[in-house]
Amino acid sequence: MQVRNVGRYAYSNLWLFIRTNSPTGGVLRDTLECRLADAQGRWQGKGSGGRFGLEIPLRYHVRFPSPGIYIFEINQGMRDKQLKYITDLGLRIEKAR
């Protein structure tokens, strides 16, 4: 997962619920805690101008056995309905080496 936030984000973490729907109808659910700041409140990842970007590994060596379209649904699991200062959220899939 790739998360970008502004330094004014109110929390040190971000909970995400990730649902993967396979072309065969299978569903996989994951919960991920993204720790955006350390215990001293310093933002993790790379940053400049008050914006910070962090990559958080979700899973390794995942296979997509069936051809077709996989759908990824990502929902935030924080108490606030709308999160201020989370500017971007992305999912990057890389081919295993």
N, C-alpha and C. Protein backbone atom coordinates (compact mmCIF):
# COMPACT_ATOMS: atom_id res chain seq x y z
N MET A 1 0.85 -1.18 0.00
CA MET A 1 0.00 0.00 0.00
C MET A 1 0.89 1.23 0.00
N GLN A 2 0.41 2.25 -0.64
CA GLN A 2 1.11 3.52 -0.66
C GLN A 2 0.15 4.57 -0.09
N VAL A 3 0.62 5.28 0.93
CA VAL A 3 -0.21 6.28 1.59
C VAL A 3 0.53 7.61 1.60
N ARG A 4 -0.19 8.67 1.28
CA ARG A 4 0.36 10.02 1.38
C ARG A 4 -0.52 10.82 2.32
N ASN A 5 0.14 11.55 3.20
CA ASN A 5 -0.61 12.38 4.14
C ASN A 5 0.06 13.73 4.32
N VAL A 6 -0.71 14.66 4.83
CA VAL A 6 -0.21 15.99 5.18
C VAL A 6 0.13 15.93 6.67
N GLY A 7 1.13 16.67 7.08
CA GLY A 7 1.56 16.66 8.48
C GLY A 7 0.50 17.08 9.48
N ARG A 8 -0.62 17.58 9.02
CA ARG A 8 -1.71 17.98 9.92
C ARG A 8 -2.70 16.85 10.18
N TYR A 9 -2.43 15.65 9.63
CA TYR A 9 -3.30 14.50 9.88
C TYR A 9 -3.33 14.26 11.39
N ALA A 10 -4.51 13.99 11.92
CA ALA A 10 -4.73 13.97 13.38
C ALA A 10 -4.24 12.70 14.08
N TYR A 11 -3.93 11.66 13.35
CA TYR A 11 -3.58 10.39 13.98
C TYR A 11 -2.19 9.94 13.54
N SER A 12 -1.65 8.96 14.29
CA SER A 12 -0.34 8.42 13.92
C SER A 12 -0.47 7.17 13.06
N ASN A 13 -1.70 6.69 12.88
CA ASN A 13 -1.90 5.48 12.09
C ASN A 13 -3.14 5.62 11.21
N LEU A 14 -3.34 4.60 10.41
CA LEU A 14 -4.50 4.53 9.52
C LEU A 14 -4.86 3.06 9.37
N TRP A 15 -6.09 2.70 9.71
CA TRP A 15 -6.56 1.32 9.54
C TRP A 15 -7.27 1.21 8.20
N LEU A 16 -6.94 0.15 7.45
CA LEU A 16 -7.56 -0.09 6.16
C LEU A 16 -8.15 -1.50 6.12
N PHE A 17 -9.31 -1.60 5.51
CA PHE A 17 -9.94 -2.89 5.25
C PHE A 17 -9.88 -3.11 3.74
N ILE A 18 -9.25 -4.20 3.34
CA ILE A 18 -9.02 -4.47 1.91
C ILE A 18 -9.74 -5.75 1.53
N ARG A 19 -10.56 -5.66 0.52
CA ARG A 19 -11.32 -6.82 0.04
C ARG A 19 -10.89 -7.08 -1.40
N THR A 20 -10.49 -8.31 -1.67
CA THR A 20 -10.09 -8.70 -3.02
C THR A 20 -11.12 -9.67 -3.57
N ASN A 21 -11.72 -9.32 -4.68
CA ASN A 21 -12.70 -10.17 -5.37
C ASN A 21 -12.03 -10.78 -6.59
N SER A 22 -12.02 -12.11 -6.66
CA SER A 22 -11.39 -12.78 -7.80
C SER A 22 -12.42 -13.02 -8.90
N PRO A 23 -11.97 -13.30 -10.11
CA PRO A 23 -12.91 -13.54 -11.22
C PRO A 23 -13.76 -14.80 -11.02
N THR A 24 -13.34 -15.68 -10.12
CA THR A 24 -14.12 -16.90 -9.88
C THR A 24 -15.17 -16.70 -8.79
N GLY A 25 -15.20 -15.51 -8.18
CA GLY A 25 -16.17 -15.21 -7.14
C GLY A 25 -15.60 -15.33 -5.73
N GLY A 26 -14.36 -15.75 -5.61
CA GLY A 26 -13.73 -15.83 -4.29
C GLY A 26 -13.46 -14.46 -3.72
N VAL A 27 -13.49 -14.38 -2.40
CA VAL A 27 -13.27 -13.11 -1.71
C VAL A 27 -12.21 -13.32 -0.64
N LEU A 28 -11.25 -12.40 -0.58
CA LEU A 28 -10.21 -12.41 0.45
C LEU A 28 -10.27 -11.07 1.16
N ARG A 29 -10.29 -11.11 2.49
CA ARG A 29 -10.34 -9.88 3.27
C ARG A 29 -9.04 -9.73 4.07
N ASP A 30 -8.52 -8.52 4.10
CA ASP A 30 -7.32 -8.20 4.87
C ASP A 30 -7.59 -6.94 5.69
N THR A 31 -6.94 -6.85 6.83
CA THR A 31 -6.94 -5.64 7.65
C THR A 31 -5.49 -5.20 7.78
N LEU A 32 -5.24 -3.94 7.54
CA LEU A 32 -3.87 -3.42 7.58
C LEU A 32 -3.82 -2.16 8.42
N GLU A 33 -2.90 -2.15 9.38
CA GLU A 33 -2.64 -0.92 10.12
C GLU A 33 -1.42 -0.26 9.51
N CYS A 34 -1.59 0.95 9.05
CA CYS A 34 -0.51 1.73 8.48
C CYS A 34 -0.01 2.68 9.57
N ARG A 35 1.17 2.44 10.06
CA ARG A 35 1.76 3.32 11.09
C ARG A 35 2.46 4.47 10.37
N LEU A 36 1.82 5.61 10.42
CA LEU A 36 2.31 6.77 9.68
C LEU A 36 3.32 7.59 10.47
N ALA A 37 3.28 7.50 11.80
CA ALA A 37 4.21 8.25 12.65
C ALA A 37 4.75 7.32 13.73
N ASP A 38 5.96 7.63 14.23
CA ASP A 38 6.54 6.81 15.30
C ASP A 38 6.00 7.27 16.65
N ALA A 39 6.49 6.67 17.72
CA ALA A 39 6.00 6.97 19.08
C ALA A 39 6.27 8.42 19.49
N GLN A 40 7.27 9.06 18.88
CA GLN A 40 7.58 10.46 19.19
C GLN A 40 6.80 11.43 18.29
N GLY A 41 5.97 10.90 17.39
CA GLY A 41 5.17 11.76 16.52
C GLY A 41 5.85 12.16 15.23
N ARG A 42 7.01 11.58 14.93
CA ARG A 42 7.70 11.89 13.68
C ARG A 42 7.09 11.08 12.55
N TRP A 43 6.76 11.76 11.48
CA TRP A 43 6.16 11.09 10.33
C TRP A 43 7.16 10.16 9.67
N GLN A 44 6.68 9.01 9.27
CA GLN A 44 7.52 8.01 8.61
C GLN A 44 7.49 8.25 7.10
N GLY A 45 8.38 7.59 6.38
CA GLY A 45 8.41 7.72 4.93
C GLY A 45 9.15 8.95 4.49
N LYS A 46 8.98 9.26 3.23
CA LYS A 46 9.66 10.40 2.63
C LYS A 46 8.72 11.59 2.63
N GLY A 47 9.30 12.76 2.85
CA GLY A 47 8.45 13.93 2.89
C GLY A 47 9.15 15.21 2.52
N SER A 48 8.35 16.16 2.07
CA SER A 48 8.83 17.51 1.81
C SER A 48 7.63 18.43 1.77
N GLY A 49 7.82 19.63 2.22
CA GLY A 49 6.74 20.61 2.19
C GLY A 49 5.53 20.22 3.02
N GLY A 50 5.73 19.45 4.08
CA GLY A 50 4.62 19.07 4.95
C GLY A 50 3.80 17.90 4.44
N ARG A 51 4.23 17.27 3.34
CA ARG A 51 3.55 16.09 2.80
C ARG A 51 4.49 14.89 2.92
N PHE A 52 3.90 13.74 3.25
CA PHE A 52 4.71 12.55 3.49
C PHE A 52 4.13 11.37 2.74
N GLY A 53 5.00 10.53 2.20
CA GLY A 53 4.59 9.33 1.48
C GLY A 53 5.25 8.11 2.09
N LEU A 54 4.48 7.06 2.25
CA LEU A 54 4.97 5.85 2.89
C LEU A 54 4.46 4.63 2.15
N GLU A 55 5.34 3.66 1.97
CA GLU A 55 4.95 2.37 1.38
C GLU A 55 4.90 1.33 2.49
N ILE A 56 3.79 0.61 2.58
CA ILE A 56 3.59 -0.40 3.61
C ILE A 56 3.32 -1.73 2.92
N PRO A 57 4.18 -2.73 3.15
CA PRO A 57 3.94 -4.04 2.53
C PRO A 57 2.64 -4.66 3.07
N LEU A 58 1.89 -5.25 2.18
CA LEU A 58 0.64 -5.90 2.57
C LEU A 58 0.81 -7.41 2.56
N ARG A 59 1.21 -7.96 1.44
CA ARG A 59 1.41 -9.40 1.31
C ARG A 59 2.56 -9.67 0.35
N TYR A 60 3.19 -10.81 0.54
CA TYR A 60 4.28 -11.23 -0.34
C TYR A 60 3.92 -12.56 -0.99
N HIS A 61 4.45 -12.79 -2.18
CA HIS A 61 4.31 -14.07 -2.88
C HIS A 61 2.85 -14.48 -3.07
N VAL A 62 2.02 -13.54 -3.44
CA VAL A 62 0.61 -13.82 -3.72
C VAL A 62 0.48 -14.24 -5.17
N ARG A 63 -0.30 -15.25 -5.41
CA ARG A 63 -0.55 -15.70 -6.78
C ARG A 63 -1.99 -15.36 -7.16
N PHE A 64 -2.15 -15.00 -8.41
CA PHE A 64 -3.47 -14.77 -8.97
C PHE A 64 -3.71 -15.92 -9.95
N PRO A 65 -4.25 -17.03 -9.47
CA PRO A 65 -4.29 -18.26 -10.26
C PRO A 65 -5.27 -18.24 -11.43
N SER A 66 -6.32 -17.47 -11.32
CA SER A 66 -7.34 -17.46 -12.37
C SER A 66 -7.18 -16.25 -13.26
N PRO A 67 -7.26 -16.43 -14.57
CA PRO A 67 -7.22 -15.26 -15.45
C PRO A 67 -8.50 -14.44 -15.30
N GLY A 68 -8.40 -13.18 -15.53
CA GLY A 68 -9.57 -12.32 -15.46
C GLY A 68 -9.30 -11.08 -14.64
N ILE A 69 -10.37 -10.42 -14.28
CA ILE A 69 -10.28 -9.14 -13.57
C ILE A 69 -10.44 -9.37 -12.07
N TYR A 70 -9.48 -8.86 -11.32
CA TYR A 70 -9.53 -8.87 -9.85
C TYR A 70 -9.92 -7.46 -9.41
N ILE A 71 -10.84 -7.38 -8.47
CA ILE A 71 -11.31 -6.08 -7.98
C ILE A 71 -10.85 -5.91 -6.54
N PHE A 72 -10.20 -4.78 -6.27
CA PHE A 72 -9.72 -4.46 -4.93
C PHE A 72 -10.56 -3.32 -4.37
N GLU A 73 -11.18 -3.55 -3.22
CA GLU A 73 -11.95 -2.52 -2.54
C GLU A 73 -11.21 -2.15 -1.26
N ILE A 74 -10.95 -0.86 -1.09
CA ILE A 74 -10.21 -0.40 0.09
C ILE A 74 -11.09 0.60 0.83
N ASN A 75 -11.32 0.32 2.11
CA ASN A 75 -12.10 1.21 2.98
C ASN A 75 -11.27 1.56 4.19
N GLN A 76 -11.40 2.78 4.66
CA GLN A 76 -10.70 3.18 5.86
C GLN A 76 -11.50 2.71 7.08
N GLY A 77 -10.78 2.36 8.14
CA GLY A 77 -11.42 1.85 9.34
C GLY A 77 -11.23 2.74 10.55
N MET A 78 -11.10 4.02 10.33
CA MET A 78 -10.92 4.95 11.44
C MET A 78 -12.29 5.40 11.96
N ARG A 79 -12.31 6.03 13.11
CA ARG A 79 -13.58 6.46 13.71
C ARG A 79 -14.22 7.62 12.96
N ASP A 80 -13.40 8.47 12.38
CA ASP A 80 -13.93 9.60 11.61
C ASP A 80 -14.50 9.08 10.29
N LYS A 81 -15.66 9.60 9.92
CA LYS A 81 -16.27 9.18 8.67
C LYS A 81 -15.46 9.65 7.47
N GLN A 82 -14.99 10.87 7.55
CA GLN A 82 -14.17 11.44 6.48
C GLN A 82 -12.82 11.81 7.07
N LEU A 83 -11.75 11.32 6.45
CA LEU A 83 -10.41 11.60 6.96
C LEU A 83 -9.83 12.82 6.27
N LYS A 84 -9.45 13.79 7.07
CA LYS A 84 -8.78 14.96 6.54
C LYS A 84 -7.28 14.70 6.52
N TYR A 85 -6.64 15.18 5.49
CA TYR A 85 -5.18 15.18 5.35
C TYR A 85 -4.58 13.83 4.95
N ILE A 86 -5.39 12.86 4.58
CA ILE A 86 -4.90 11.71 3.84
C ILE A 86 -5.17 12.09 2.39
N THR A 87 -4.11 12.32 1.62
CA THR A 87 -4.30 12.88 0.28
C THR A 87 -4.36 11.83 -0.81
N ASP A 88 -3.64 10.71 -0.64
CA ASP A 88 -3.61 9.67 -1.68
C ASP A 88 -3.49 8.30 -1.02
N LEU A 89 -4.05 7.33 -1.71
CA LEU A 89 -3.94 5.94 -1.28
C LEU A 89 -3.82 5.10 -2.54
N GLY A 90 -2.85 4.21 -2.56
CA GLY A 90 -2.66 3.41 -3.76
C GLY A 90 -2.27 1.99 -3.43
N LEU A 91 -2.46 1.13 -4.39
CA LEU A 91 -2.09 -0.27 -4.27
C LEU A 91 -1.15 -0.57 -5.42
N ARG A 92 0.01 -1.09 -5.09
CA ARG A 92 0.99 -1.42 -6.13
C ARG A 92 1.21 -2.93 -6.12
N ILE A 93 1.11 -3.52 -7.27
CA ILE A 93 1.31 -4.97 -7.43
C ILE A 93 2.54 -5.15 -8.30
N GLU A 94 3.50 -5.92 -7.79
CA GLU A 94 4.73 -6.16 -8.53
C GLU A 94 4.88 -7.63 -8.80
N LYS A 95 5.47 -7.95 -9.93
CA LYS A 95 5.77 -9.32 -10.27
C LYS A 95 6.90 -9.82 -9.37
N ALA A 96 6.74 -11.02 -8.81
CA ALA A 96 7.76 -11.59 -7.94
C ALA A 96 9.02 -11.87 -8.74
N ARG A 97 10.15 -11.69 -8.11
CA ARG A 97 11.44 -11.92 -8.79
C ARG A 97 11.92 -13.32 -8.57
